[in-house]
N, C-alpha and C. Protein backbone atom coordinates (compact mmCIF):
# COMPACT_ATOMS: atom_id res chain seq x y z
N MET A 1 27.36 19.33 30.81
CA MET A 1 27.59 19.38 29.53
C MET A 1 28.06 18.27 28.81
N GLY A 2 28.63 17.51 29.73
CA GLY A 2 29.22 16.09 29.11
C GLY A 2 28.02 15.16 28.75
N THR A 3 26.74 15.45 29.21
CA THR A 3 25.72 14.59 29.19
C THR A 3 25.25 15.10 27.76
N PHE A 4 25.20 16.44 27.72
CA PHE A 4 24.62 16.97 26.39
C PHE A 4 25.46 16.38 25.17
N LEU A 5 26.99 16.53 25.56
CA LEU A 5 27.62 16.01 24.38
C LEU A 5 27.66 14.89 23.93
N CYS A 6 27.34 14.11 25.02
CA CYS A 6 27.41 12.30 24.60
C CYS A 6 25.91 12.08 24.00
N SER A 7 24.97 12.81 24.40
CA SER A 7 23.66 12.88 24.04
C SER A 7 23.55 13.01 22.22
N ALA A 8 24.39 14.18 22.08
CA ALA A 8 24.43 14.68 20.59
C ALA A 8 25.33 13.72 19.82
N ALA A 9 26.29 13.20 20.28
CA ALA A 9 26.96 12.27 19.61
C ALA A 9 26.07 10.86 19.39
N VAL A 10 25.58 10.45 20.17
CA VAL A 10 24.58 9.43 19.93
C VAL A 10 23.58 9.55 18.89
N ALA A 11 22.96 10.99 18.91
CA ALA A 11 22.20 11.35 18.18
C ALA A 11 22.54 11.37 16.62
N ALA A 12 23.60 11.71 16.70
CA ALA A 12 24.46 11.84 15.25
C ALA A 12 24.51 10.60 14.81
N LEU A 13 25.24 9.54 15.58
CA LEU A 13 25.39 8.34 15.19
C LEU A 13 24.13 7.39 14.77
N VAL A 14 22.83 7.76 15.52
CA VAL A 14 21.56 7.15 14.92
C VAL A 14 21.07 7.91 13.80
N LEU A 15 21.47 9.10 13.40
CA LEU A 15 20.96 9.46 12.21
C LEU A 15 21.66 9.27 11.04
N GLN A 16 23.10 8.88 11.25
CA GLN A 16 23.90 8.58 10.19
C GLN A 16 23.66 6.90 10.03
N ALA A 17 23.27 6.10 10.89
CA ALA A 17 23.11 4.71 10.72
C ALA A 17 22.11 4.49 9.48
N PRO A 18 22.54 3.30 8.75
CA PRO A 18 21.84 3.14 7.73
C PRO A 18 20.39 2.47 8.30
N ALA A 19 19.22 2.82 7.23
CA ALA A 19 17.73 2.17 7.73
C ALA A 19 18.02 0.67 7.68
N PRO A 20 17.01 0.00 8.67
CA PRO A 20 17.03 -1.19 8.55
C PRO A 20 16.28 -1.93 7.33
N PRO A 21 16.69 -2.86 6.88
CA PRO A 21 16.37 -3.44 5.42
C PRO A 21 14.84 -3.62 5.71
N ALA A 22 14.34 -3.57 4.68
CA ALA A 22 12.63 -3.44 4.32
C ALA A 22 12.32 -4.91 4.79
N ASP A 23 13.10 -6.00 4.90
CA ASP A 23 12.63 -7.47 5.47
C ASP A 23 12.42 -7.48 6.91
N ALA A 24 13.43 -7.00 7.37
CA ALA A 24 13.46 -6.65 9.01
C ALA A 24 12.42 -5.89 9.53
N VAL A 25 11.69 -4.86 8.72
CA VAL A 25 10.80 -4.11 9.03
C VAL A 25 9.55 -4.91 8.90
N ARG A 26 9.46 -5.64 7.91
CA ARG A 26 8.17 -6.36 7.87
C ARG A 26 8.09 -7.68 8.46
N ALA A 27 9.49 -8.35 9.01
CA ALA A 27 9.30 -9.18 9.94
C ALA A 27 8.92 -8.68 11.35
N ALA A 28 9.48 -7.26 11.78
CA ALA A 28 8.90 -6.78 12.89
C ALA A 28 7.41 -6.57 12.78
N LEU A 29 6.84 -6.31 11.82
CA LEU A 29 5.54 -6.10 11.82
C LEU A 29 4.65 -7.43 12.06
N TRP A 30 5.22 -8.65 11.45
CA TRP A 30 4.63 -9.88 11.37
C TRP A 30 4.81 -10.30 13.05
N ALA A 31 5.52 -9.94 13.91
CA ALA A 31 5.86 -10.30 14.82
C ALA A 31 5.03 -9.67 15.88
N ARG A 32 4.62 -8.11 15.28
CA ARG A 32 3.74 -7.72 16.38
C ARG A 32 2.29 -8.08 15.89
N ILE A 33 1.70 -8.44 14.85
CA ILE A 33 0.51 -9.04 14.48
C ILE A 33 0.75 -10.49 15.19
N ALA A 34 1.42 -11.02 15.26
CA ALA A 34 1.51 -12.80 15.84
C ALA A 34 1.16 -12.43 17.32
N ALA A 35 1.73 -11.50 17.97
CA ALA A 35 1.52 -11.08 19.44
C ALA A 35 -0.10 -10.71 19.59
N ASP A 36 -0.60 -9.91 18.83
CA ASP A 36 -2.10 -9.59 18.63
C ASP A 36 -2.55 -9.37 17.34
N SER A 37 -3.40 -10.66 16.78
CA SER A 37 -3.95 -10.49 15.37
C SER A 37 -4.79 -9.35 15.28
N THR A 38 -5.50 -8.80 16.25
CA THR A 38 -6.52 -7.60 16.26
C THR A 38 -5.95 -6.16 16.20
N ASP A 39 -4.72 -6.13 16.03
CA ASP A 39 -3.98 -5.01 16.12
C ASP A 39 -4.23 -4.07 14.54
N GLY A 40 -5.46 -3.41 14.26
CA GLY A 40 -5.41 -2.78 13.11
C GLY A 40 -4.25 -2.01 12.70
N GLN A 41 -3.63 -1.46 13.38
CA GLN A 41 -2.74 -0.25 13.22
C GLN A 41 -1.53 -1.04 12.31
N ALA A 42 -1.24 -2.28 13.05
CA ALA A 42 -0.08 -3.07 12.52
C ALA A 42 -0.57 -3.60 11.21
N TRP A 43 -1.78 -4.10 11.06
CA TRP A 43 -2.32 -4.69 9.74
C TRP A 43 -1.97 -3.27 8.80
N LEU A 44 -2.26 -2.22 9.23
CA LEU A 44 -1.99 -1.02 8.04
C LEU A 44 -0.66 -0.99 7.72
N GLU A 45 0.19 -1.12 8.86
CA GLU A 45 1.60 -0.96 8.46
C GLU A 45 2.14 -1.95 7.57
N VAL A 46 1.56 -3.27 7.83
CA VAL A 46 2.20 -4.27 7.08
C VAL A 46 1.92 -4.13 5.54
N GLY A 47 0.46 -3.61 5.22
CA GLY A 47 0.04 -3.45 4.03
C GLY A 47 0.67 -2.41 3.36
N ARG A 48 0.99 -1.21 4.02
CA ARG A 48 1.74 -0.28 3.38
C ARG A 48 3.31 -0.70 3.00
N ALA A 49 4.03 -1.39 4.21
CA ALA A 49 5.27 -1.96 3.61
C ALA A 49 5.24 -2.83 2.24
N TYR A 50 4.23 -3.71 2.04
CA TYR A 50 3.92 -4.28 0.92
C TYR A 50 3.79 -3.61 -0.37
N VAL A 51 2.92 -2.53 -0.34
CA VAL A 51 2.57 -1.62 -1.24
C VAL A 51 4.13 -0.80 -1.74
N GLN A 52 4.79 -0.59 -0.75
CA GLN A 52 6.13 0.17 -1.08
C GLN A 52 6.95 -0.92 -1.92
N VAL A 53 7.14 -1.81 -1.43
CA VAL A 53 8.14 -2.93 -2.10
C VAL A 53 7.52 -3.14 -3.38
N VAL A 54 6.00 -3.06 -3.78
CA VAL A 54 5.67 -3.37 -5.17
C VAL A 54 6.12 -2.11 -5.91
N GLY A 55 6.01 -0.90 -5.23
CA GLY A 55 6.37 0.35 -5.94
C GLY A 55 7.57 0.28 -6.50
N GLY A 56 8.62 -0.34 -5.81
CA GLY A 56 9.85 -0.64 -6.48
C GLY A 56 9.85 -1.41 -7.66
N TYR A 57 8.76 -2.49 -7.82
CA TYR A 57 8.58 -3.29 -9.03
C TYR A 57 8.32 -2.42 -10.05
N HIS A 58 7.86 -1.38 -10.07
CA HIS A 58 7.25 -0.58 -11.26
C HIS A 58 8.48 0.04 -11.80
N ALA A 59 9.34 0.37 -11.15
CA ALA A 59 10.49 1.00 -11.65
C ALA A 59 11.28 0.02 -12.46
N HIS A 60 11.16 -1.04 -12.66
CA HIS A 60 11.77 -2.05 -13.50
C HIS A 60 13.19 -1.92 -13.39
N ARG A 61 13.91 -1.88 -12.15
CA ARG A 61 15.11 -2.18 -11.57
C ARG A 61 16.03 -3.39 -11.65
N ALA A 62 15.20 -4.45 -11.53
CA ALA A 62 15.41 -5.48 -11.47
C ALA A 62 14.46 -6.35 -12.52
N PRO A 63 14.96 -7.58 -12.56
CA PRO A 63 14.23 -8.63 -13.63
C PRO A 63 12.63 -8.74 -13.22
N ALA A 64 11.85 -8.57 -13.80
CA ALA A 64 10.39 -8.65 -13.68
C ALA A 64 10.13 -9.95 -13.23
N ASP A 65 9.16 -9.80 -11.96
CA ASP A 65 8.51 -11.24 -11.36
C ASP A 65 7.12 -10.88 -11.25
N THR A 66 6.39 -10.97 -12.41
CA THR A 66 5.02 -10.51 -11.83
C THR A 66 4.28 -11.39 -10.96
N VAL A 67 4.64 -12.60 -10.93
CA VAL A 67 3.82 -13.36 -10.00
C VAL A 67 4.07 -12.97 -8.34
N TRP A 68 5.47 -12.54 -8.11
CA TRP A 68 5.72 -12.01 -6.81
C TRP A 68 4.77 -10.84 -6.64
N ALA A 69 5.23 -9.83 -7.57
CA ALA A 69 4.53 -8.57 -7.36
C ALA A 69 2.91 -8.89 -7.20
N ARG A 70 2.30 -9.57 -7.93
CA ARG A 70 1.02 -9.72 -7.75
C ARG A 70 0.56 -10.50 -6.24
N ALA A 71 1.52 -11.43 -5.89
CA ALA A 71 1.30 -11.81 -4.53
C ALA A 71 1.56 -10.74 -3.26
N ALA A 72 2.43 -9.87 -3.55
CA ALA A 72 2.77 -8.87 -2.45
C ALA A 72 1.54 -7.97 -2.60
N LEU A 73 0.67 -7.65 -3.74
CA LEU A 73 -0.23 -6.69 -3.73
C LEU A 73 -1.75 -7.48 -2.86
N ASP A 74 -1.72 -8.65 -3.37
CA ASP A 74 -2.64 -9.48 -2.96
C ASP A 74 -2.52 -9.57 -1.26
N THR A 75 -1.49 -9.63 -0.62
CA THR A 75 -1.00 -9.58 0.56
C THR A 75 -1.45 -8.12 1.31
N ALA A 76 -1.06 -7.32 0.52
CA ALA A 76 -1.32 -5.90 0.98
C ALA A 76 -2.60 -5.49 1.07
N GLU A 77 -3.32 -6.14 0.00
CA GLU A 77 -4.88 -5.61 0.01
C GLU A 77 -5.67 -6.53 1.17
N GLN A 78 -5.29 -7.74 1.41
CA GLN A 78 -5.90 -8.63 2.45
C GLN A 78 -5.25 -8.04 3.95
N ALA A 79 -4.09 -7.28 4.04
CA ALA A 79 -3.98 -6.53 5.28
C ALA A 79 -4.55 -5.30 5.42
N PHE A 80 -4.70 -4.73 4.26
CA PHE A 80 -5.79 -3.38 4.64
C PHE A 80 -7.15 -3.88 4.93
N ALA A 81 -7.78 -5.02 4.24
CA ALA A 81 -9.11 -5.40 4.74
C ALA A 81 -9.06 -5.84 6.18
N ARG A 82 -8.21 -6.33 6.72
CA ARG A 82 -8.05 -6.71 8.26
C ARG A 82 -7.81 -5.69 8.90
N ALA A 83 -7.02 -4.43 8.50
CA ALA A 83 -7.02 -3.11 9.06
C ALA A 83 -8.45 -2.24 9.71
N ALA A 84 -8.92 -2.61 7.96
CA ALA A 84 -10.50 -1.83 8.28
C ALA A 84 -11.38 -2.64 9.14
N ARG A 85 -11.15 -3.85 9.08
CA ARG A 85 -12.23 -4.55 9.95
C ARG A 85 -12.05 -4.57 11.47
N TRP A 86 -10.51 -4.43 12.08
CA TRP A 86 -10.04 -4.37 13.15
C TRP A 86 -10.08 -2.96 13.79
N SER A 87 -10.13 -2.07 13.01
CA SER A 87 -10.01 -0.62 13.31
C SER A 87 -11.33 0.16 13.16
N ARG A 88 -12.57 -0.22 12.92
CA ARG A 88 -13.60 0.46 12.73
C ARG A 88 -13.88 1.73 13.52
N GLY A 89 -14.11 2.67 12.81
CA GLY A 89 -14.64 4.02 12.99
C GLY A 89 -13.45 4.86 13.57
N THR A 90 -12.15 4.46 13.18
CA THR A 90 -11.01 5.15 13.26
C THR A 90 -10.24 5.66 12.01
N ARG A 91 -9.13 6.75 12.33
CA ARG A 91 -8.72 6.84 10.89
C ARG A 91 -7.92 5.90 10.37
N ALA A 92 -7.38 5.05 11.15
CA ALA A 92 -6.64 3.89 10.69
C ALA A 92 -7.65 3.04 9.53
N ALA A 93 -8.93 3.11 9.98
CA ALA A 93 -9.92 2.11 9.11
C ALA A 93 -10.22 2.89 7.81
N ASP A 94 -10.23 4.36 7.93
CA ASP A 94 -10.50 5.05 6.81
C ASP A 94 -9.27 5.02 5.97
N SER A 95 -8.19 5.22 6.39
CA SER A 95 -6.81 4.81 5.55
C SER A 95 -6.56 3.55 4.89
N ALA A 96 -6.96 2.46 5.71
CA ALA A 96 -6.96 1.32 4.93
C ALA A 96 -7.97 1.02 4.01
N GLN A 97 -9.03 1.78 4.05
CA GLN A 97 -10.15 1.73 3.08
C GLN A 97 -9.79 2.21 1.56
N VAL A 98 -8.50 3.43 1.86
CA VAL A 98 -8.05 4.08 0.83
C VAL A 98 -6.98 3.34 -0.02
N PHE A 99 -6.36 2.92 1.08
CA PHE A 99 -5.14 2.00 0.53
C PHE A 99 -5.58 0.75 -0.35
N ARG A 100 -7.10 0.18 0.35
CA ARG A 100 -7.32 -0.79 -0.50
C ARG A 100 -7.72 -0.65 -1.97
N VAL A 101 -8.16 0.60 -2.15
CA VAL A 101 -8.42 1.02 -3.59
C VAL A 101 -7.18 1.38 -4.33
N TYR A 102 -6.12 1.80 -3.65
CA TYR A 102 -4.86 2.02 -4.19
C TYR A 102 -4.09 0.81 -4.45
N ALA A 103 -4.37 -0.28 -3.76
CA ALA A 103 -3.60 -1.76 -4.19
C ALA A 103 -4.56 -2.09 -5.38
N TRP A 104 -5.78 -2.05 -5.56
CA TRP A 104 -6.59 -2.48 -6.71
C TRP A 104 -6.05 -1.65 -8.02
N GLY A 105 -5.79 -0.51 -7.70
CA GLY A 105 -5.30 0.37 -8.78
C GLY A 105 -3.80 0.04 -9.22
N GLN A 106 -2.85 -0.72 -8.27
CA GLN A 106 -1.54 -1.01 -8.62
C GLN A 106 -1.90 -2.31 -9.40
N LYS A 107 -2.78 -3.21 -8.87
CA LYS A 107 -3.27 -4.27 -9.57
C LYS A 107 -3.40 -4.08 -11.14
N ALA A 108 -4.26 -3.16 -11.43
CA ALA A 108 -4.60 -2.76 -12.62
C ALA A 108 -3.55 -2.36 -13.35
N LEU A 109 -2.41 -1.55 -12.92
CA LEU A 109 -1.12 -1.20 -13.66
C LEU A 109 -0.54 -2.36 -13.69
N LEU A 110 -0.35 -3.20 -13.04
CA LEU A 110 0.38 -4.61 -13.21
C LEU A 110 0.03 -5.32 -14.61
N ALA A 111 -1.49 -5.15 -14.24
CA ALA A 111 -2.16 -5.96 -15.51
C ALA A 111 -1.97 -5.40 -16.80
N TRP A 112 -2.04 -3.93 -16.80
CA TRP A 112 -1.57 -3.24 -18.16
C TRP A 112 -0.32 -3.41 -18.28
N GLU A 113 0.63 -3.61 -17.68
CA GLU A 113 1.94 -3.76 -17.97
C GLU A 113 2.60 -5.29 -18.60
N THR A 114 1.42 -5.99 -18.22
CA THR A 114 1.71 -7.47 -18.69
C THR A 114 0.94 -7.90 -19.64
N GLY A 115 -0.54 -7.24 -19.65
CA GLY A 115 -1.38 -7.46 -20.58
C GLY A 115 -2.13 -6.65 -21.46
N GLY A 116 -1.64 -5.43 -21.39
CA GLY A 116 -2.43 -4.17 -22.01
C GLY A 116 -3.30 -3.47 -21.46
N PRO A 117 -3.97 -2.75 -22.25
CA PRO A 117 -5.21 -1.72 -21.46
C PRO A 117 -6.31 -2.51 -21.43
N ASP A 118 -6.56 -3.87 -22.24
CA ASP A 118 -7.86 -4.54 -21.81
C ASP A 118 -7.71 -5.50 -20.44
N ALA A 119 -6.57 -5.85 -20.51
CA ALA A 119 -6.15 -6.35 -18.90
C ALA A 119 -6.18 -5.64 -17.83
N ALA A 120 -5.86 -4.42 -17.80
CA ALA A 120 -6.13 -3.59 -16.92
C ALA A 120 -7.60 -3.03 -16.75
N THR A 121 -8.32 -2.87 -17.50
CA THR A 121 -9.99 -2.62 -17.41
C THR A 121 -10.46 -3.95 -16.71
N THR A 122 -10.09 -5.20 -17.15
CA THR A 122 -10.60 -6.25 -16.50
C THR A 122 -10.32 -6.29 -15.18
N ALA A 123 -8.96 -5.92 -14.70
CA ALA A 123 -8.43 -6.05 -13.33
C ALA A 123 -9.22 -5.10 -12.51
N TRP A 124 -9.55 -3.72 -13.35
CA TRP A 124 -10.09 -2.79 -12.32
C TRP A 124 -11.59 -3.26 -12.27
N HIS A 125 -12.29 -3.70 -13.00
CA HIS A 125 -13.68 -4.12 -12.73
C HIS A 125 -13.91 -5.30 -11.89
N ALA A 126 -12.97 -5.63 -11.46
CA ALA A 126 -12.85 -6.87 -10.34
C ALA A 126 -12.85 -5.94 -8.69
N LEU A 127 -12.74 -5.05 -8.94
CA LEU A 127 -12.93 -4.10 -7.59
C LEU A 127 -14.03 -4.76 -7.02
N PRO A 128 -13.96 -5.03 -5.40
CA PRO A 128 -14.92 -5.46 -4.80
C PRO A 128 -16.42 -4.21 -4.50
N GLU A 129 -17.29 -4.57 -4.73
CA GLU A 129 -18.46 -3.75 -4.76
C GLU A 129 -18.60 -2.65 -3.25
N GLY A 130 -17.99 -3.06 -2.49
CA GLY A 130 -17.83 -2.26 -0.94
C GLY A 130 -16.91 -1.26 -1.40
N LEU A 131 -15.89 -1.30 -2.26
CA LEU A 131 -15.02 -0.12 -2.53
C LEU A 131 -15.37 0.74 -3.32
N ARG A 132 -16.16 0.48 -4.33
CA ARG A 132 -16.66 1.45 -5.45
C ARG A 132 -17.19 2.81 -4.81
N LEU A 133 -17.25 3.65 -5.75
CA LEU A 133 -17.85 5.10 -5.70
C LEU A 133 -19.18 4.86 -5.91
N PRO A 134 -20.35 5.52 -5.28
CA PRO A 134 -21.69 5.46 -5.63
C PRO A 134 -21.84 5.96 -7.09
N PRO A 135 -22.72 5.25 -7.79
CA PRO A 135 -22.79 5.59 -9.19
C PRO A 135 -22.96 7.25 -9.56
N VAL A 136 -23.53 8.04 -8.91
CA VAL A 136 -23.48 9.25 -9.04
C VAL A 136 -22.26 9.94 -9.00
N LEU A 137 -21.23 9.52 -8.12
CA LEU A 137 -19.91 10.21 -8.30
C LEU A 137 -18.98 9.42 -9.28
N GLU A 138 -19.42 8.42 -9.78
CA GLU A 138 -18.72 7.79 -10.79
C GLU A 138 -18.93 8.57 -12.13
N GLU A 139 -20.17 8.79 -12.25
CA GLU A 139 -20.62 9.72 -13.35
C GLU A 139 -20.00 11.09 -13.38
N LEU A 140 -20.06 11.73 -12.07
CA LEU A 140 -19.52 12.94 -12.20
C LEU A 140 -17.84 12.87 -12.65
N GLY A 141 -17.37 11.97 -12.30
CA GLY A 141 -15.92 11.92 -12.47
C GLY A 141 -15.88 11.70 -14.23
N GLU A 142 -16.51 10.94 -14.53
CA GLU A 142 -16.50 10.66 -16.02
C GLU A 142 -17.08 11.72 -16.83
N ASN A 143 -17.81 12.55 -16.44
CA ASN A 143 -18.28 13.86 -17.09
C ASN A 143 -17.06 14.92 -16.86
N LEU A 144 -16.48 15.03 -15.75
CA LEU A 144 -15.23 16.04 -15.57
C LEU A 144 -14.37 15.76 -16.60
N LEU A 145 -13.68 14.29 -16.79
CA LEU A 145 -12.78 13.85 -17.64
C LEU A 145 -13.23 14.00 -18.97
N ARG A 146 -14.34 13.89 -19.37
CA ARG A 146 -14.87 14.13 -20.73
C ARG A 146 -14.75 15.98 -21.14
N ALA A 147 -14.94 16.57 -20.09
CA ALA A 147 -14.87 18.03 -20.08
C ALA A 147 -13.52 18.56 -20.44
N CYS A 148 -12.06 17.70 -19.95
CA CYS A 148 -10.98 18.58 -19.87
C CYS A 148 -10.78 18.13 -21.46
N PRO A 149 -9.81 19.37 -21.72
CA PRO A 149 -9.27 19.32 -23.20
C PRO A 149 -8.29 18.04 -23.25
N ARG A 150 -8.36 17.71 -24.69
CA ARG A 150 -7.31 16.77 -24.90
C ARG A 150 -6.03 16.91 -24.72
N GLN A 151 -5.23 15.95 -24.24
CA GLN A 151 -3.55 16.27 -24.03
C GLN A 151 -3.52 17.32 -22.97
């Protein structure tokens, strides 16, 4: 009974403890990659960590630093590319490809916030050819969007 109560008390303390700072999480992931640079899952987690940090940028809670946000998105995109390369044929590779497209979407959103719709279009058209949908699916998507009522 005493062991159970002690375990319950420790579990309660752990659940109430503050989450580690994002910098500590990223540092731990970079240490994991330093130990094994072919760890696709670690690269995927690094990319996700950077995408989450940039998500806070779009909330505009702090002064805007577009250079930092762009660098974080570039780091995330490169991490996803490495995750896809080192995890071929796995769910991590598939997730990495999806997150790469998401990172490009975030780059386009950042371009839109700083330069308007034309800048967003230019950023989106820079998407690497390997990440694009086949032309048939792109056309299907355009047709579906055109068929939707306005507003």
